[in-house]
């Protein structure tokens, strides 16, 4: 079953890569294109939907993932110090569990 899905995915990717490119225009809407092409590329359209749903950010990646510069004081938060510690530990545990950070 898994091998069939893998083979199906490969042929879908191959078909997508071999198909001609769309003409570039100011009115081109990539989300509409993937929606209209979802029957032709069901797996790739799901991946595109997930990727394109990620909001664009202007924050530098180091800043987004770093907790070193974030000071939580009474004015900025009503969370207790224990709750803040628990949330930070949970975040670190999640990142370790999912391979987002590595410990040497």
PDB file of N, CA and C in Angstrom:
ATOM      1  N   UNK A   1       0.831  -1.191   0.000  1.00  0.00           N
ATOM      2  CA  UNK A   1       0.000   0.000   0.000  1.00  0.00           C
ATOM      3  C   UNK A   1       0.875   1.255   0.000  1.00  0.00           C
ATOM      4  N   UNK A   2       1.874   1.301   0.898  1.00  0.00           N
ATOM      5  CA  UNK A   2       2.757   2.454   0.989  1.00  0.00           C
ATOM      6  C   UNK A   2       3.575   2.623  -0.292  1.00  0.00           C
ATOM      7  N   UNK A   3       4.006   1.500  -0.877  1.00  0.00           N
ATOM      8  CA  UNK A   3       4.774   1.550  -2.117  1.00  0.00           C
ATOM      9  C   UNK A   3       3.928   2.090  -3.263  1.00  0.00           C
ATOM     10  N   UNK A   4       2.638   1.739  -3.285  1.00  0.00           N
ATOM     11  CA  UNK A   4       1.744   2.240  -4.325  1.00  0.00           C
ATOM     12  C   UNK A   4       1.597   3.753  -4.220  1.00  0.00           C
ATOM     13  N   UNK A   5       1.437   4.248  -2.978  1.00  0.00           N
ATOM     14  CA  UNK A   5       1.311   5.692  -2.781  1.00  0.00           C
ATOM     15  C   UNK A   5       2.598   6.397  -3.180  1.00  0.00           C
ATOM     16  N   UNK A   6       3.734   5.782  -2.873  1.00  0.00           N
ATOM     17  CA  UNK A   6       5.021   6.369  -3.223  1.00  0.00           C
ATOM     18  C   UNK A   6       5.161   6.439  -4.745  1.00  0.00           C
ATOM     19  N   UNK A   7       4.806   5.352  -5.430  1.00  0.00           N
ATOM     20  CA  UNK A   7       4.876   5.326  -6.885  1.00  0.00           C
ATOM     21  C   UNK A   7       3.911   6.338  -7.487  1.00  0.00           C
ATOM     22  N   UNK A   8       2.717   6.448  -6.896  1.00  0.00           N
ATOM     23  CA  UNK A   8       1.723   7.415  -7.365  1.00  0.00           C
ATOM     24  C   UNK A   8       2.246   8.832  -7.186  1.00  0.00           C
ATOM     25  N   UNK A   9       2.896   9.095  -6.050  1.00  0.00           N
ATOM     26  CA  UNK A   9       3.458  10.417  -5.786  1.00  0.00           C
ATOM     27  C   UNK A   9       4.546  10.754  -6.786  1.00  0.00           C
ATOM     28  N   UNK A  10       5.418   9.784  -7.056  1.00  0.00           N
ATOM     29  CA  UNK A  10       6.499  10.027  -8.003  1.00  0.00           C
ATOM     30  C   UNK A  10       5.942  10.341  -9.383  1.00  0.00           C
ATOM     31  N   UNK A  11       4.944   9.584  -9.816  1.00  0.00           N
ATOM     32  CA  UNK A  11       4.401   9.848 -11.140  1.00  0.00           C
ATOM     33  C   UNK A  11       3.681  11.200 -11.167  1.00  0.00           C
ATOM     34  N   UNK A  12       3.057  11.593 -10.047  1.00  0.00           N
ATOM     35  CA  UNK A  12       2.398  12.891  -9.972  1.00  0.00           C
ATOM     36  C   UNK A  12       3.433  14.005 -10.057  1.00  0.00           C
ATOM     37  N   UNK A  13       4.533  13.853  -9.349  1.00  0.00           N
ATOM     38  CA  UNK A  13       5.606  14.855  -9.401  1.00  0.00           C
ATOM     39  C   UNK A  13       6.183  14.911 -10.815  1.00  0.00           C
ATOM     40  N   UNK A  14       6.394  13.757 -11.409  1.00  0.00           N
ATOM     41  CA  UNK A  14       6.934  13.699 -12.770  1.00  0.00           C
ATOM     42  C   UNK A  14       5.994  14.395 -13.744  1.00  0.00           C
ATOM     43  N   UNK A  15       4.691  14.115 -13.626  1.00  0.00           N
ATOM     44  CA  UNK A  15       3.713  14.775 -14.500  1.00  0.00           C
ATOM     45  C   UNK A  15       3.742  16.279 -14.320  1.00  0.00           C
ATOM     46  N   UNK A  16       3.799  16.717 -13.063  1.00  0.00           N
ATOM     47  CA  UNK A  16       3.829  18.156 -12.773  1.00  0.00           C
ATOM     48  C   UNK A  16       5.065  18.806 -13.392  1.00  0.00           C
ATOM     49  N   UNK A  17       6.215  18.157 -13.231  1.00  0.00           N
ATOM     50  CA  UNK A  17       7.454  18.735 -13.753  1.00  0.00           C
ATOM     51  C   UNK A  17       7.497  18.739 -15.272  1.00  0.00           C
ATOM     52  N   UNK A  18       6.861  17.755 -15.895  1.00  0.00           N
ATOM     53  CA  UNK A  18       6.870  17.669 -17.352  1.00  0.00           C
ATOM     54  C   UNK A  18       5.828  18.570 -18.002  1.00  0.00           C
ATOM     55  N   UNK A  19       4.792  18.939 -17.272  1.00  0.00           N
ATOM     56  CA  UNK A  19       3.780  19.848 -17.816  1.00  0.00           C
ATOM     57  C   UNK A  19       4.396  21.223 -18.049  1.00  0.00           C
ATOM     58  N   UNK A  20       3.888  21.899 -19.016  1.00  0.00           N
ATOM     59  CA  UNK A  20       4.405  23.236 -19.325  1.00  0.00           C
ATOM     60  C   UNK A  20       4.096  24.232 -18.227  1.00  0.00           C
ATOM     61  N   UNK A  21       4.861  25.305 -18.193  1.00  0.00           N
ATOM     62  CA  UNK A  21       4.654  26.361 -17.210  1.00  0.00           C
ATOM     63  C   UNK A  21       3.495  27.254 -17.633  1.00  0.00           C
ATOM     64  N   UNK A  22       2.871  27.850 -16.644  1.00  0.00           N
ATOM     65  CA  UNK A  22       1.811  28.823 -16.904  1.00  0.00           C
ATOM     66  C   UNK A  22       2.454  30.118 -17.388  1.00  0.00           C
ATOM     67  N   UNK A  23       1.711  30.857 -18.187  1.00  0.00           N
ATOM     68  CA  UNK A  23       2.217  32.162 -18.620  1.00  0.00           C
ATOM     69  C   UNK A  23       2.204  33.111 -17.434  1.00  0.00           C
ATOM     70  N   UNK A  24       3.265  33.858 -17.308  1.00  0.00           N
ATOM     71  CA  UNK A  24       3.391  34.811 -16.209  1.00  0.00           C
ATOM     72  C   UNK A  24       2.507  36.028 -16.471  1.00  0.00           C
ATOM     73  N   UNK A  25       1.766  36.414 -15.439  1.00  0.00           N
ATOM     74  CA  UNK A  25       0.947  37.616 -15.552  1.00  0.00           C
ATOM     75  C   UNK A  25       0.739  38.211 -14.163  1.00  0.00           C
ATOM     76  N   UNK A  26       0.350  39.462 -14.126  1.00  0.00           N
ATOM     77  CA  UNK A  26       0.115  40.133 -12.854  1.00  0.00           C
ATOM     78  C   UNK A  26      -1.118  39.570 -12.155  1.00  0.00           C
ATOM     79  N   UNK A  27      -2.033  39.013 -12.918  1.00  0.00           N
ATOM     80  CA  UNK A  27      -3.290  38.514 -12.365  1.00  0.00           C
ATOM     81  C   UNK A  27      -3.216  37.043 -11.932  1.00  0.00           C
ATOM     82  N   UNK A  28      -2.062  36.404 -12.104  1.00  0.00           N
ATOM     83  CA  UNK A  28      -1.954  34.983 -11.761  1.00  0.00           C
ATOM     84  C   UNK A  28      -2.121  34.787 -10.254  1.00  0.00           C
ATOM     85  N   UNK A  29      -3.016  33.880  -9.888  1.00  0.00           N
ATOM     86  CA  UNK A  29      -3.283  33.575  -8.481  1.00  0.00           C
ATOM     87  C   UNK A  29      -2.904  32.119  -8.233  1.00  0.00           C
ATOM     88  N   UNK A  30      -1.805  31.920  -7.527  1.00  0.00           N
ATOM     89  CA  UNK A  30      -1.285  30.571  -7.317  1.00  0.00           C
ATOM     90  C   UNK A  30      -2.265  29.702  -6.525  1.00  0.00           C
ATOM     91  N   UNK A  31      -2.987  30.290  -5.585  1.00  0.00           N
ATOM     92  CA  UNK A  31      -3.959  29.511  -4.812  1.00  0.00           C
ATOM     93  C   UNK A  31      -5.102  29.008  -5.691  1.00  0.00           C
ATOM     94  N   UNK A  32      -5.584  29.868  -6.569  1.00  0.00           N
ATOM     95  CA  UNK A  32      -6.648  29.450  -7.501  1.00  0.00           C
ATOM     96  C   UNK A  32      -6.134  28.371  -8.442  1.00  0.00           C
ATOM     97  N   UNK A  33      -4.881  28.517  -8.880  1.00  0.00           N
ATOM     98  CA  UNK A  33      -4.321  27.518  -9.790  1.00  0.00           C
ATOM     99  C   UNK A  33      -4.259  26.151  -9.123  1.00  0.00           C
ATOM    100  N   UNK A  34      -3.774  26.092  -7.883  1.00  0.00           N
ATOM    101  CA  UNK A  34      -3.690  24.810  -7.186  1.00  0.00           C
ATOM    102  C   UNK A  34      -5.078  24.245  -6.916  1.00  0.00           C
ATOM    103  N   UNK A  35      -6.044  25.117  -6.635  1.00  0.00           N
ATOM    104  CA  UNK A  35      -7.415  24.644  -6.413  1.00  0.00           C
ATOM    105  C   UNK A  35      -7.975  24.034  -7.695  1.00  0.00           C
ATOM    106  N   UNK A  36      -7.786  24.684  -8.806  1.00  0.00           N
ATOM    107  CA  UNK A  36      -8.299  24.157 -10.072  1.00  0.00           C
ATOM    108  C   UNK A  36      -7.504  22.939 -10.554  1.00  0.00           C
ATOM    109  N   UNK A  37      -6.271  22.798 -10.097  1.00  0.00           N
ATOM    110  CA  UNK A  37      -5.433  21.666 -10.508  1.00  0.00           C
ATOM    111  C   UNK A  37      -5.440  20.522  -9.493  1.00  0.00           C
ATOM    112  N   UNK A  38      -6.271  20.632  -8.463  1.00  0.00           N
ATOM    113  CA  UNK A  38      -6.253  19.615  -7.398  1.00  0.00           C
ATOM    114  C   UNK A  38      -6.699  18.237  -7.880  1.00  0.00           C
ATOM    115  N   UNK A  39      -7.535  18.180  -8.911  1.00  0.00           N
ATOM    116  CA  UNK A  39      -7.937  16.852  -9.420  1.00  0.00           C
ATOM    117  C   UNK A  39      -6.810  16.213 -10.223  1.00  0.00           C
ATOM    118  N   UNK A  40      -5.989  17.031 -10.854  1.00  0.00           N
ATOM    119  CA  UNK A  40      -4.861  16.524 -11.644  1.00  0.00           C
ATOM    120  C   UNK A  40      -3.673  16.161 -10.752  1.00  0.00           C
ATOM    121  N   UNK A  41      -3.460  16.953  -9.701  1.00  0.00           N
ATOM    122  CA  UNK A  41      -2.353  16.747  -8.768  1.00  0.00           C
ATOM    123  C   UNK A  41      -2.881  16.705  -7.339  1.00  0.00           C
ATOM    124  N   UNK A  42      -3.573  15.652  -6.924  1.00  0.00           N
ATOM    125  CA  UNK A  42      -4.197  15.645  -5.595  1.00  0.00           C
ATOM    126  C   UNK A  42      -3.206  15.724  -4.435  1.00  0.00           C
ATOM    127  N   UNK A  43      -2.094  15.028  -4.535  1.00  0.00           N
ATOM    128  CA  UNK A  43      -1.121  15.026  -3.438  1.00  0.00           C
ATOM    129  C   UNK A  43      -0.359  16.343  -3.395  1.00  0.00           C
ATOM    130  N   UNK A  44       0.134  16.778  -4.555  1.00  0.00           N
ATOM    131  CA  UNK A  44       0.885  18.034  -4.606  1.00  0.00           C
ATOM    132  C   UNK A  44       0.021  19.224  -4.217  1.00  0.00           C
ATOM    133  N   UNK A  45      -1.255  19.190  -4.560  1.00  0.00           N
ATOM    134  CA  UNK A  45      -2.122  20.316  -4.198  1.00  0.00           C
ATOM    135  C   UNK A  45      -2.317  20.391  -2.687  1.00  0.00           C
ATOM    136  N   UNK A  46      -2.343  19.246  -2.019  1.00  0.00           N
ATOM    137  CA  UNK A  46      -2.442  19.254  -0.550  1.00  0.00           C
ATOM    138  C   UNK A  46      -1.170  19.829   0.066  1.00  0.00           C
ATOM    139  N   UNK A  47      -0.027  19.447  -0.484  1.00  0.00           N
ATOM    140  CA  UNK A  47       1.252  19.978   0.007  1.00  0.00           C
ATOM    141  C   UNK A  47       1.308  21.484  -0.235  1.00  0.00           C
ATOM    142  N   UNK A  48       0.913  21.909  -1.422  1.00  0.00           N
ATOM    143  CA  UNK A  48       0.927  23.340  -1.747  1.00  0.00           C
ATOM    144  C   UNK A  48       0.000  24.113  -0.821  1.00  0.00           C
ATOM    145  N   UNK A  49      -1.150  23.539  -0.521  1.00  0.00           N
ATOM    146  CA  UNK A  49      -2.095  24.197   0.388  1.00  0.00           C
ATOM    147  C   UNK A  49      -1.466  24.397   1.764  1.00  0.00           C
ATOM    148  N   UNK A  50      -0.770  23.374   2.257  1.00  0.00           N
ATOM    149  CA  UNK A  50      -0.104  23.485   3.558  1.00  0.00           C
ATOM    150  C   UNK A  50       1.003  24.535   3.531  1.00  0.00           C
ATOM    151  N   UNK A  51       1.809  24.517   2.486  1.00  0.00           N
ATOM    152  CA  UNK A  51       2.946  25.434   2.400  1.00  0.00           C
ATOM    153  C   UNK A  51       2.478  26.867   2.189  1.00  0.00           C
ATOM    154  N   UNK A  52       1.509  27.056   1.292  1.00  0.00           N
ATOM    155  CA  UNK A  52       1.052  28.405   0.987  1.00  0.00           C
ATOM    156  C   UNK A  52       0.206  29.010   2.098  1.00  0.00           C
ATOM    157  N   UNK A  53      -0.241  28.184   3.029  1.00  0.00           N
ATOM    158  CA  UNK A  53      -1.041  28.681   4.148  1.00  0.00           C
ATOM    159  C   UNK A  53      -0.176  29.282   5.256  1.00  0.00           C
ATOM    160  N   UNK A  54       1.132  29.094   5.176  1.00  0.00           N
ATOM    161  CA  UNK A  54       2.047  29.630   6.183  1.00  0.00           C
ATOM    162  C   UNK A  54       2.147  31.135   5.977  1.00  0.00           C
ATOM    163  N   UNK A  55       1.829  31.928   6.996  1.00  0.00           N
ATOM    164  CA  UNK A  55       1.883  33.379   6.823  1.00  0.00           C
ATOM    165  C   UNK A  55       3.313  33.876   6.624  1.00  0.00           C
ATOM    166  N   UNK A  56       3.456  34.878   5.807  1.00  0.00           N
ATOM    167  CA  UNK A  56       4.762  35.479   5.554  1.00  0.00           C
ATOM    168  C   UNK A  56       5.133  36.338   6.754  1.00  0.00           C
ATOM    169  N   UNK A  57       6.397  36.267   7.150  1.00  0.00           N
ATOM    170  CA  UNK A  57       6.853  37.043   8.297  1.00  0.00           C
ATOM    171  C   UNK A  57       8.091  37.830   7.911  1.00  0.00           C
ATOM    172  N   UNK A  58       8.201  39.009   8.473  1.00  0.00           N
ATOM    173  CA  UNK A  58       9.391  39.818   8.229  1.00  0.00           C
ATOM    174  C   UNK A  58      10.381  39.706   9.381  1.00  0.00           C
ATOM    175  N   UNK A  59      10.082  38.842  10.352  1.00  0.00           N
ATOM    176  CA  UNK A  59      10.972  38.645  11.494  1.00  0.00           C
ATOM    177  C   UNK A  59      12.114  37.728  11.074  1.00  0.00           C
ATOM    178  N   UNK A  60      13.321  38.066  11.465  1.00  0.00           N
ATOM    179  CA  UNK A  60      14.472  37.211  11.174  1.00  0.00           C
ATOM    180  C   UNK A  60      14.289  35.866  11.877  1.00  0.00           C
ATOM    181  N   UNK A  61      14.741  34.796  11.242  1.00  0.00           N
ATOM    182  CA  UNK A  61      14.537  33.467  11.811  1.00  0.00           C
ATOM    183  C   UNK A  61      15.170  33.319  13.184  1.00  0.00           C
ATOM    184  N   UNK A  62      16.340  33.922  13.413  1.00  0.00           N
ATOM    185  CA  UNK A  62      16.971  33.824  14.730  1.00  0.00           C
ATOM    186  C   UNK A  62      16.080  34.451  15.799  1.00  0.00           C
ATOM    187  N   UNK A  63      15.472  35.561  15.435  1.00  0.00           N
ATOM    188  CA  UNK A  63      14.597  36.261  16.371  1.00  0.00           C
ATOM    189  C   UNK A  63      13.327  35.466  16.653  1.00  0.00           C
ATOM    190  N   UNK A  64      12.800  34.814  15.633  1.00  0.00           N
ATOM    191  CA  UNK A  64      11.551  34.069  15.789  1.00  0.00           C
ATOM    192  C   UNK A  64      11.718  32.868  16.708  1.00  0.00           C
ATOM    193  N   UNK A  65      12.893  32.229  16.679  1.00  0.00           N
ATOM    194  CA  UNK A  65      13.082  31.005  17.448  1.00  0.00           C
ATOM    195  C   UNK A  65      13.881  31.202  18.733  1.00  0.00           C
ATOM    196  N   UNK A  66      14.334  32.404  18.998  1.00  0.00           N
ATOM    197  CA  UNK A  66      15.138  32.663  20.185  1.00  0.00           C
ATOM    198  C   UNK A  66      14.255  33.157  21.328  1.00  0.00           C
ATOM    199  N   UNK A  67      14.538  32.681  22.524  1.00  0.00           N
ATOM    200  CA  UNK A  67      13.822  33.181  23.702  1.00  0.00           C
ATOM    201  C   UNK A  67      14.727  34.053  24.560  1.00  0.00           C
ATOM    202  N   UNK A  68      15.993  34.226  24.144  1.00  0.00           N
ATOM    203  CA  UNK A  68      16.949  34.948  24.979  1.00  0.00           C
ATOM    204  C   UNK A  68      16.608  36.423  25.160  1.00  0.00           C
ATOM    205  N   UNK A  69      16.049  37.060  24.141  1.00  0.00           N
ATOM    206  CA  UNK A  69      15.763  38.475  24.248  1.00  0.00           C
ATOM    207  C   UNK A  69      14.369  38.802  24.757  1.00  0.00           C
ATOM    208  N   UNK A  70      13.604  37.818  25.084  1.00  0.00           N
ATOM    209  CA  UNK A  70      12.236  38.055  25.520  1.00  0.00           C
ATOM    210  C   UNK A  70      12.159  38.136  27.040  1.00  0.00           C
ATOM    211  N   UNK A  71      11.924  39.318  27.526  1.00  0.00           N
ATOM    212  CA  UNK A  71      11.817  39.535  28.962  1.00  0.00           C
ATOM    213  C   UNK A  71      10.335  39.613  29.305  1.00  0.00           C
ATOM    214  N   UNK A  72       9.917  38.803  30.253  1.00  0.00           N
ATOM    215  CA  UNK A  72       8.524  38.805  30.667  1.00  0.00           C
ATOM    216  C   UNK A  72       8.463  39.379  32.072  1.00  0.00           C
ATOM    217  N   UNK A  73       7.906  40.567  32.181  1.00  0.00           N
ATOM    218  CA  UNK A  73       7.773  41.183  33.486  1.00  0.00           C
ATOM    219  C   UNK A  73       6.288  41.321  33.832  1.00  0.00           C
ATOM    220  N   UNK A  74       6.007  41.831  35.002  1.00  0.00           N
ATOM    221  CA  UNK A  74       4.620  41.941  35.478  1.00  0.00           C
ATOM    222  C   UNK A  74       3.788  42.840  34.581  1.00  0.00           C
ATOM    223  N   UNK A  75       4.419  43.858  34.012  1.00  0.00           N
ATOM    224  CA  UNK A  75       3.693  44.777  33.141  1.00  0.00           C
ATOM    225  C   UNK A  75       3.256  44.086  31.844  1.00  0.00           C
ATOM    226  N   UNK A  76       4.109  43.214  31.302  1.00  0.00           N
ATOM    227  CA  UNK A  76       3.840  42.576  30.022  1.00  0.00           C
ATOM    228  C   UNK A  76       3.019  41.304  30.123  1.00  0.00           C
ATOM    229  N   UNK A  77       2.961  40.725  31.290  1.00  0.00           N
ATOM    230  CA  UNK A  77       2.275  39.443  31.375  1.00  0.00           C
ATOM    231  C   UNK A  77       1.622  39.250  32.726  1.00  0.00           C
ATOM    232  N   UNK A  78       0.484  38.561  32.686  1.00  0.00           N
ATOM    233  CA  UNK A  78      -0.172  38.210  33.949  1.00  0.00           C
ATOM    234  C   UNK A  78       0.099  36.761  34.313  1.00  0.00           C
ATOM    235  N   UNK A  79       0.960  36.105  33.527  1.00  0.00           N
ATOM    236  CA  UNK A  79       1.316  34.710  33.821  1.00  0.00           C
ATOM    237  C   UNK A  79       2.239  34.666  35.032  1.00  0.00           C
ATOM    238  N   UNK A  80       2.061  33.642  35.821  1.00  0.00           N
ATOM    239  CA  UNK A  80       2.954  33.474  36.962  1.00  0.00           C
ATOM    240  C   UNK A  80       4.328  33.015  36.465  1.00  0.00           C
ATOM    241  N   UNK A  81       5.376  33.259  37.237  1.00  0.00           N
ATOM    242  CA  UNK A  81       6.710  32.803  36.826  1.00  0.00           C
ATOM    243  C   UNK A  81       6.763  31.294  36.580  1.00  0.00           C
ATOM    244  N   UNK A  82       6.031  30.512  37.387  1.00  0.00           N
ATOM    245  CA  UNK A  82       6.024  29.056  37.187  1.00  0.00           C
ATOM    246  C   UNK A  82       5.376  28.696  35.857  1.00  0.00           C
ATOM    247  N   UNK A  83       4.307  29.411  35.470  1.00  0.00           N
ATOM    248  CA  UNK A  83       3.639  29.134  34.209  1.00  0.00           C
ATOM    249  C   UNK A  83       4.534  29.495  33.030  1.00  0.00           C
ATOM    250  N   UNK A  84       5.244  30.611  33.129  1.00  0.00           N
ATOM    251  CA  UNK A  84       6.177  31.012  32.080  1.00  0.00           C
ATOM    252  C   UNK A  84       7.266  29.950  31.922  1.00  0.00           C
ATOM    253  N   UNK A  85       7.811  29.483  33.038  1.00  0.00           N
ATOM    254  CA  UNK A  85       8.840  28.446  33.000  1.00  0.00           C
ATOM    255  C   UNK A  85       8.286  27.168  32.370  1.00  0.00           C
ATOM    256  N   UNK A  86       7.074  26.799  32.747  1.00  0.00           N
ATOM    257  CA  UNK A  86       6.454  25.591  32.191  1.00  0.00           C
ATOM    258  C   UNK A  86       6.258  25.725  30.686  1.00  0.00           C
ATOM    259  N   UNK A  87       5.826  26.889  30.206  1.00  0.00           N
ATOM    260  CA  UNK A  87       5.620  27.103  28.775  1.00  0.00           C
ATOM    261  C   UNK A  87       6.934  27.041  27.997  1.00  0.00           C
ATOM    262  N   UNK A  88       7.975  27.653  28.544  1.00  0.00           N
ATOM    263  CA  UNK A  88       9.281  27.619  27.875  1.00  0.00           C
ATOM    264  C   UNK A  88       9.821  26.191  27.842  1.00  0.00           C
ATOM    265  N   UNK A  89       9.681  25.457  28.948  1.00  0.00           N
ATOM    266  CA  UNK A  89      10.132  24.061  28.988  1.00  0.00           C
ATOM    267  C   UNK A  89       9.342  23.205  27.999  1.00  0.00           C
ATOM    268  N   UNK A  90       8.048  23.464  27.896  1.00  0.00           N
ATOM    269  CA  UNK A  90       7.218  22.731  26.936  1.00  0.00           C
ATOM    270  C   UNK A  90       7.670  23.005  25.517  1.00  0.00           C
ATOM    271  N   UNK A  91       7.957  24.269  25.220  1.00  0.00           N
ATOM    272  CA  UNK A  91       8.427  24.639  23.889  1.00  0.00           C
ATOM    273  C   UNK A  91       9.740  23.932  23.564  1.00  0.00           C
ATOM    274  N   UNK A  92      10.665  23.931  24.503  1.00  0.00           N
ATOM    275  CA  UNK A  92      11.954  23.273  24.285  1.00  0.00           C
ATOM    276  C   UNK A  92      11.756  21.760  24.134  1.00  0.00           C
ATOM    277  N   UNK A  93      10.914  21.162  24.977  1.00  0.00           N
ATOM    278  CA  UNK A  93      10.644  19.727  24.879  1.00  0.00           C
ATOM    279  C   UNK A  93      10.031  19.361  23.546  1.00  0.00           C
ATOM    280  N   UNK A  94       9.109  20.167  23.073  1.00  0.00           N
ATOM    281  CA  UNK A  94       8.471  19.925  21.779  1.00  0.00           C
ATOM    282  C   UNK A  94       9.511  19.985  20.663  1.00  0.00           C
ATOM    283  N   UNK A  95      10.362  21.002  20.716  1.00  0.00           N
ATOM    284  CA  UNK A  95      11.390  21.155  19.692  1.00  0.00           C
ATOM    285  C   UNK A  95      12.363  19.981  19.704  1.00  0.00           C
ATOM    286  N   UNK A  96      12.746  19.512  20.875  1.00  0.00           N
ATOM    287  CA  UNK A  96      13.633  18.344  20.973  1.00  0.00           C
ATOM    288  C   UNK A  96      12.952  17.093  20.437  1.00  0.00           C
ATOM    289  N   UNK A  97      11.699  16.896  20.801  1.00  0.00           N
ATOM    290  CA  UNK A  97      10.959  15.709  20.396  1.00  0.00           C
ATOM    291  C   UNK A  97      10.795  15.634  18.883  1.00  0.00           C
ATOM    292  N   UNK A  98      10.596  16.768  18.258  1.00  0.00           N
ATOM    293  CA  UNK A  98      10.346  16.804  16.819  1.00  0.00           C
ATOM    294  C   UNK A  98      11.601  17.125  15.997  1.00  0.00           C
ATOM    295  N   UNK A  99      12.753  17.094  16.630  1.00  0.00           N
ATOM    296  CA  UNK A  99      14.015  17.284  15.899  1.00  0.00           C
ATOM    297  C   UNK A  99      14.235  18.703  15.415  1.00  0.00           C
ATOM    298  N   UNK A 100      13.593  19.681  16.026  1.00  0.00           N
ATOM    299  CA  UNK A 100      13.780  21.068  15.618  1.00  0.00           C
ATOM    300  C   UNK A 100      15.042  21.672  16.203  1.00  0.00           C
ATOM    301  N   UNK A 101      15.490  21.129  17.333  1.00  0.00           N
ATOM    302  CA  UNK A 101      16.791  21.524  17.909  1.00  0.00           C
ATOM    303  C   UNK A 101      17.520  20.250  18.307  1.00  0.00           C
ATOM    304  N   UNK A 102      18.817  20.342  18.368  1.00  0.00           N
ATOM    305  CA  UNK A 102      19.629  19.172  18.679  1.00  0.00           C
ATOM    306  C   UNK A 102      20.536  19.477  19.869  1.00  0.00           C
ATOM    307  N   UNK A 103      20.723  18.464  20.710  1.00  0.00           N
ATOM    308  CA  UNK A 103      21.604  18.593  21.853  1.00  0.00           C
ATOM    309  C   UNK A 103      22.830  17.728  21.582  1.00  0.00           C
ATOM    310  N   UNK A 104      23.997  18.325  21.751  1.00  0.00           N
ATOM    311  CA  UNK A 104      25.224  17.574  21.485  1.00  0.00           C
ATOM    312  C   UNK A 104      25.833  17.052  22.757  1.00  0.00           C
TER     313      UNK A 104
END
